[in-house]
C-alpha atoms as a PDB file:
ATOM      1  CA  MET A   1      97.045  63.218 111.601  1.00  0.00           C
ATOM      2  CA  GLN A   2     100.415  64.761 112.448  1.00  0.00           C
ATOM      3  CA  ASP A   3     100.516  68.132 114.286  1.00  0.00           C
ATOM      4  CA  ASN A   4     102.906  70.444 112.412  1.00  0.00           C
ATOM      5  CA  SER A   5     102.501  73.357 114.836  1.00  0.00           C
ATOM      6  CA  PHE A   6     105.706  72.467 116.685  1.00  0.00           C
ATOM      7  CA  GLN A   7     107.910  71.805 113.651  1.00  0.00           C
ATOM      8  CA  THR A   8     110.687  74.335 113.267  1.00  0.00           C
ATOM      9  CA  ILE A   9     112.766  75.552 110.365  1.00  0.00           C
ATOM     10  CA  ARG A  10     116.197  77.186 110.368  1.00  0.00           C
ATOM     11  CA  LEU A  11     116.673  80.297 108.232  1.00  0.00           C
ATOM     12  CA  PRO A  12     119.144  83.168 107.902  1.00  0.00           C
ATOM     13  CA  MET A  13     117.944  86.299 109.675  1.00  0.00           C
ATOM     14  CA  ILE A  14     118.232  90.093 109.442  1.00  0.00           C
ATOM     15  CA  ALA A  15     117.397  92.480 112.279  1.00  0.00           C
ATOM     16  CA  LEU A  16     115.588  95.464 110.744  1.00  0.00           C
ATOM     17  CA  ARG A  17     116.101  98.994 112.074  1.00  0.00           C
ATOM     18  CA  GLY A  18     112.802 100.885 112.217  1.00  0.00           C
ATOM     19  CA  LEU A  19     111.092  98.680 109.638  1.00  0.00           C
ATOM     20  CA  SER A  20     108.613  95.835 109.632  1.00  0.00           C
ATOM     21  CA  VAL A  21     107.348  93.669 106.813  1.00  0.00           C
ATOM     22  CA  PHE A  22     104.072  91.770 106.808  1.00  0.00           C
ATOM     23  CA  PRO A  23     102.842  88.738 104.840  1.00  0.00           C
ATOM     24  CA  GLY A  24     101.822  89.577 101.281  1.00  0.00           C
ATOM     25  CA  MET A  25     103.725  92.876 101.320  1.00  0.00           C
ATOM     26  CA  LEU A  26     106.819  93.974  99.382  1.00  0.00           C
ATOM     27  CA  LEU A  27     109.579  95.918 101.123  1.00  0.00           C
ATOM     28  CA  THR A  28     112.754  97.416  99.692  1.00  0.00           C
ATOM     29  CA  PHE A  29     115.565  98.370 102.057  1.00  0.00           C
ATOM     30  CA  ASP A  30     119.345  98.715 102.222  1.00  0.00           C
ATOM     31  CA  VAL A  31     121.555  96.168 103.962  1.00  0.00           C
ATOM     32  CA  GLU A  32     124.959  97.249 105.199  1.00  0.00           C
ATOM     33  CA  ARG A  33     125.904  95.333 108.354  1.00  0.00           C
ATOM     34  CA  PRO A  34     128.320  92.476 107.594  1.00  0.00           C
ATOM     35  CA  ALA A  35     126.191  89.894 109.448  1.00  0.00           C
ATOM     36  CA  SER A  36     123.121  90.955 107.451  1.00  0.00           C
ATOM     37  CA  VAL A  37     124.977  90.838 104.122  1.00  0.00           C
ATOM     38  CA  ALA A  38     126.209  87.363 105.102  1.00  0.00           C
ATOM     39  CA  ALA A  39     122.642  86.276 105.943  1.00  0.00           C
ATOM     40  CA  LEU A  40     121.559  87.430 102.474  1.00  0.00           C
ATOM     41  CA  GLY A  41     124.309  85.300 100.973  1.00  0.00           C
ATOM     42  CA  ILE A  42     123.086  82.269 102.900  1.00  0.00           C
ATOM     43  CA  ALA A  43     119.504  82.957 101.785  1.00  0.00           C
ATOM     44  CA  GLY A  44     120.688  83.079  98.166  1.00  0.00           C
ATOM     45  CA  LYS A  45     121.919  79.513  98.505  1.00  0.00           C
ATOM     46  CA  ASN A  46     118.749  78.255 100.255  1.00  0.00           C
ATOM     47  CA  GLU A  47     115.581  78.973  98.249  1.00  0.00           C
ATOM     48  CA  GLN A  48     115.913  82.759  98.792  1.00  0.00           C
ATOM     49  CA  LEU A  49     114.111  82.533 102.160  1.00  0.00           C
ATOM     50  CA  ILE A  50     115.072  84.806 105.046  1.00  0.00           C
ATOM     51  CA  PHE A  51     113.562  85.749 108.423  1.00  0.00           C
ATOM     52  CA  LEU A  52     113.162  89.473 109.118  1.00  0.00           C
ATOM     53  CA  ALA A  53     112.488  90.741 112.638  1.00  0.00           C
ATOM     54  CA  ALA A  54     112.542  94.274 114.031  1.00  0.00           C
ATOM     55  CA  GLN A  55     115.343  95.452 116.268  1.00  0.00           C
ATOM     56  CA  LYS A  56     114.192  96.861 119.646  1.00  0.00           C
ATOM     57  CA  ASP A  57     116.789  99.628 120.007  1.00  0.00           C
ATOM     58  CA  LEU A  58     117.827 101.256 116.728  1.00  0.00           C
ATOM     59  CA  SER A  59     121.078 102.576 118.196  1.00  0.00           C
ATOM     60  CA  VAL A  60     122.542  99.089 118.779  1.00  0.00           C
ATOM     61  CA  ASP A  61     125.001  98.380 115.960  1.00  0.00           C
ATOM     62  CA  VAL A  62     125.499  94.668 116.642  1.00  0.00           C
ATOM     63  CA  PRO A  63     122.233  93.378 118.105  1.00  0.00           C
ATOM     64  CA  GLY A  64     122.174  90.304 120.280  1.00  0.00           C
ATOM     65  CA  GLU A  65     119.260  87.932 120.788  1.00  0.00           C
ATOM     66  CA  GLU A  66     117.811  90.180 123.526  1.00  0.00           C
ATOM     67  CA  ASP A  67     117.833  93.189 121.129  1.00  0.00           C
ATOM     68  CA  ILE A  68     115.569  91.594 118.500  1.00  0.00           C
ATOM     69  CA  TYR A  69     111.827  90.962 118.693  1.00  0.00           C
ATOM     70  CA  GLU A  70     110.913  87.267 118.596  1.00  0.00           C
ATOM     71  CA  VAL A  71     108.057  87.622 116.098  1.00  0.00           C
ATOM     72  CA  GLY A  72     108.884  88.493 112.511  1.00  0.00           C
ATOM     73  CA  THR A  73     108.126  87.498 108.946  1.00  0.00           C
ATOM     74  CA  VAL A  74     109.587  84.809 106.725  1.00  0.00           C
ATOM     75  CA  CYS A  75     110.269  86.462 103.374  1.00  0.00           C
ATOM     76  CA  ARG A  76     111.401  85.528  99.892  1.00  0.00           C
ATOM     77  CA  VAL A  77     114.254  87.625  98.529  1.00  0.00           C
ATOM     78  CA  ARG A  78     112.906  88.880  95.203  1.00  0.00           C
ATOM     79  CA  GLN A  79     115.845  91.043  94.177  1.00  0.00           C
ATOM     80  CA  GLN A  80     119.332  92.032  95.346  1.00  0.00           C
ATOM     81  CA  LEU A  81     121.379  94.866  93.910  1.00  0.00           C
ATOM     82  CA  ARG A  82     124.941  95.059  95.150  1.00  0.00           C
ATOM     83  CA  GLN A  83     126.845  98.248  94.555  1.00  0.00           C
ATOM     84  CA  PRO A  84     130.176  97.720  92.793  1.00  0.00           C
ATOM     85  CA  ARG A  85     133.008  98.095  95.323  1.00  0.00           C
ATOM     86  CA  GLY A  86     130.445  99.130  97.925  1.00  0.00           C
ATOM     87  CA  THR A  87     129.293  97.637 101.186  1.00  0.00           C
ATOM     88  CA  ILE A  88     125.586  98.376 100.725  1.00  0.00           C
ATOM     89  CA  CYS A  89     123.131  95.958  99.129  1.00  0.00           C
ATOM     90  CA  ARG A  90     119.610  97.040  98.171  1.00  0.00           C
ATOM     91  CA  VAL A  91     117.112  94.228  98.705  1.00  0.00           C
ATOM     92  CA  MET A  92     113.476  93.668  97.799  1.00  0.00           C
ATOM     93  CA  VAL A  93     111.612  91.044  99.804  1.00  0.00           C
ATOM     94  CA  GLU A  94     108.086  89.663  99.772  1.00  0.00           C
ATOM     95  CA  GLY A  95     106.561  88.711 103.114  1.00  0.00           C
ATOM     96  CA  LEU A  96     105.276  85.125 103.126  1.00  0.00           C
ATOM     97  CA  TYR A  97     104.133  84.298 106.673  1.00  0.00           C
ATOM     98  CA  ARG A  98     104.671  85.299 110.286  1.00  0.00           C
ATOM     99  CA  ALA A  99     106.935  83.226 112.514  1.00  0.00           C
ATOM    100  CA  VAL A 100     108.350  83.261 116.023  1.00  0.00           C
ATOM    101  CA  SER A 101     112.020  82.749 116.765  1.00  0.00           C
ATOM    102  CA  VAL A 102     112.561  79.780 119.069  1.00  0.00           C
ATOM    103  CA  SER A 103     116.315  80.410 119.181  1.00  0.00           C
ATOM    104  CA  LEU A 104     118.707  82.821 117.540  1.00  0.00           C
ATOM    105  CA  ASP A 105     122.377  82.422 116.636  1.00  0.00           C
ATOM    106  CA  THR A 106     123.989  85.882 116.381  1.00  0.00           C
ATOM    107  CA  ASP A 107     127.187  84.710 114.710  1.00  0.00           C
ATOM    108  CA  PRO A 108     128.840  87.697 112.945  1.00  0.00           C
ATOM    109  CA  LYS A 109     129.205  85.453 109.872  1.00  0.00           C
ATOM    110  CA  GLY A 110     125.418  85.572 109.473  1.00  0.00           C
ATOM    111  CA  TYR A 111     122.541  85.443 111.930  1.00  0.00           C
ATOM    112  CA  MET A 112     120.471  82.253 111.901  1.00  0.00           C
ATOM    113  CA  ALA A 113     117.085  81.692 113.535  1.00  0.00           C
ATOM    114  CA  GLU A 114     115.217  78.540 114.496  1.00  0.00           C
ATOM    115  CA  LEU A 115     111.587  79.376 113.704  1.00  0.00           C
ATOM    116  CA  ARG A 116     108.089  78.139 114.316  1.00  0.00           C
ATOM    117  CA  PRO A 117     105.379  79.395 111.900  1.00  0.00           C
ATOM    118  CA  LEU A 118     102.555  81.515 113.376  1.00  0.00           C
ATOM    119  CA  PRO A 119      99.475  80.883 111.234  1.00  0.00           C
ATOM    120  CA  ASP A 120      96.648  83.422 111.276  1.00  0.00           C
ATOM    121  CA  ARG A 121      93.646  82.449 113.364  1.00  0.00           C
ATOM    122  CA  ALA A 122      90.361  81.644 111.664  1.00  0.00           C
ATOM    123  CA  GLU A 123      87.807  84.456 111.628  1.00  0.00           C
ATOM    124  CA  ARG A 124      84.884  84.160 114.049  1.00  0.00           C
ATOM    125  CA  VAL A 125      82.495  86.679 112.502  1.00  0.00           C
ATOM    126  CA  SER A 126      79.923  86.395 109.750  1.00  0.00           C
ATOM    127  CA  ALA A 127      80.857  87.291 106.172  1.00  0.00           C
ATOM    128  CA  ASP A 128      78.572  90.363 106.291  1.00  0.00           C
ATOM    129  CA  ARG A 129      80.160  91.607 109.514  1.00  0.00           C
ATOM    130  CA  MET A 130      83.641  90.980 108.066  1.00  0.00           C
ATOM    131  CA  GLN A 131      82.790  92.978 104.949  1.00  0.00           C
ATOM    132  CA  ALA A 132      81.527  95.861 107.104  1.00  0.00           C
ATOM    133  CA  LEU A 133      84.698  95.802 109.230  1.00  0.00           C
ATOM    134  CA  VAL A 134      86.904  95.853 106.134  1.00  0.00           C
ATOM    135  CA  ARG A 135      84.941  98.791 104.680  1.00  0.00           C
ATOM    136  CA  ASN A 136      85.323 100.647 107.981  1.00  0.00           C
ATOM    137  CA  CYS A 137      89.100 100.015 108.058  1.00  0.00           C
ATOM    138  CA  VAL A 138      89.493 101.205 104.472  1.00  0.00           C
ATOM    139  CA  SER A 139      87.443 104.322 105.224  1.00  0.00           C
ATOM    140  CA  LEU A 140      89.513 105.153 108.319  1.00  0.00           C
ATOM    141  CA  TYR A 141      92.747 104.588 106.406  1.00  0.00           C
ATOM    142  CA  ASP A 142      91.496 106.934 103.674  1.00  0.00           C
ATOM    143  CA  GLU A 143      90.962 109.612 106.369  1.00  0.00           C
ATOM    144  CA  TYR A 144      94.478 108.916 107.670  1.00  0.00           C
ATOM    145  CA  LEU A 145      95.924 109.406 104.169  1.00  0.00           C
ATOM    146  CA  HIS A 146      94.107 112.737 103.771  1.00  0.00           C
ATOM    147  CA  MET A 147      95.559 113.946 107.106  1.00  0.00           C
ATOM    148  CA  ASN A 148      99.107 112.926 106.137  1.00  0.00           C
ATOM    149  CA  GLN A 149     100.128 114.876 103.060  1.00  0.00           C
ATOM    150  CA  ASP A 150     103.446 112.962 102.877  1.00  0.00           C
ATOM    151  CA  LEU A 151     101.640 109.760 101.928  1.00  0.00           C
ATOM    152  CA  PRO A 152     100.273 109.159  98.421  1.00  0.00           C
ATOM    153  CA  SER A 153      96.471 109.059  98.447  1.00  0.00           C
ATOM    154  CA  GLU A 154      96.618 106.457  95.647  1.00  0.00           C
ATOM    155  CA  GLN A 155      97.389 103.848  98.313  1.00  0.00           C
ATOM    156  CA  ILE A 156      93.667 103.502  98.904  1.00  0.00           C
ATOM    157  CA  LEU A 157      93.328 102.009  95.414  1.00  0.00           C
ATOM    158  CA  ASN A 158      95.450  99.042  96.512  1.00  0.00           C
ATOM    159  CA  LEU A 159      92.989  98.302  99.287  1.00  0.00           C
ATOM    160  CA  LEU A 160      89.936  98.746  97.101  1.00  0.00           C
ATOM    161  CA  SER A 161      91.364  96.344  94.515  1.00  0.00           C
ATOM    162  CA  ASN A 162      92.057  93.658  97.128  1.00  0.00           C
ATOM    163  CA  PRO A 163      89.520  93.788  99.982  1.00  0.00           C
ATOM    164  CA  ARG A 164      90.588  90.511 101.654  1.00  0.00           C
ATOM    165  CA  PRO A 165      90.647  91.099 105.443  1.00  0.00           C
ATOM    166  CA  ASP A 166      94.189  89.809 105.926  1.00  0.00           C
ATOM    167  CA  TYR A 167      95.531  91.920 103.054  1.00  0.00           C
ATOM    168  CA  VAL A 168      93.786  95.064 104.329  1.00  0.00           C
ATOM    169  CA  ALA A 169      95.139  94.562 107.860  1.00  0.00           C
ATOM    170  CA  TYR A 170      98.717  93.880 106.738  1.00  0.00           C
ATOM    171  CA  TYR A 171      98.706  96.665 104.133  1.00  0.00           C
ATOM    172  CA  ILE A 172      97.526  99.281 106.614  1.00  0.00           C
ATOM    173  CA  ALA A 173      99.986  98.098 109.272  1.00  0.00           C
ATOM    174  CA  GLN A 174     102.880  98.185 106.783  1.00  0.00           C
ATOM    175  CA  ASN A 175     102.066 101.655 105.484  1.00  0.00           C
ATOM    176  CA  MET A 176     101.185 103.583 108.632  1.00  0.00           C
ATOM    177  CA  GLN A 177     103.898 105.728 110.121  1.00  0.00           C
ATOM    178  CA  LEU A 178     104.216 104.169 113.571  1.00  0.00           C
ATOM    179  CA  SER A 179     107.224 103.355 115.680  1.00  0.00           C
ATOM    180  CA  VAL A 180     108.146  99.689 115.730  1.00  0.00           C
END
């Protein structure tokens, strides 16, 4: 059997300022930097796939390889809305899977990343223990929502309707107000 863990793929890449996206999550954000708009154009020609990774220092306008975290998420571009005669493009992406950047080309004509997928590890706890852990996470997140009036309390319904451990973990991580 062939080991695919070392196979890499090459995808266009955007460095996100103050945002992260996780597998199974939707994220809408604005793209304005020329290299990022170019990367979106490349993604549009190649199955709508793009790699999104967080930028370490938000004040850097043109990030280099050292300014971008290596781990990010491969996403499918679900929608792009370009403003007429504008430089901003609003994008909606869906996170597919985590990946690590093996190398990064920061060409101003569009960033490209050589990636290796990072699959989730198999769970090592019983189903009953997993269910209890998920319930505990959902309960703690509900408390968090009640303490943060800026967040809609209806978010808890998303977790209750999909109690898969990976979904709960990614949903909470995506929706908590933490610094990158």
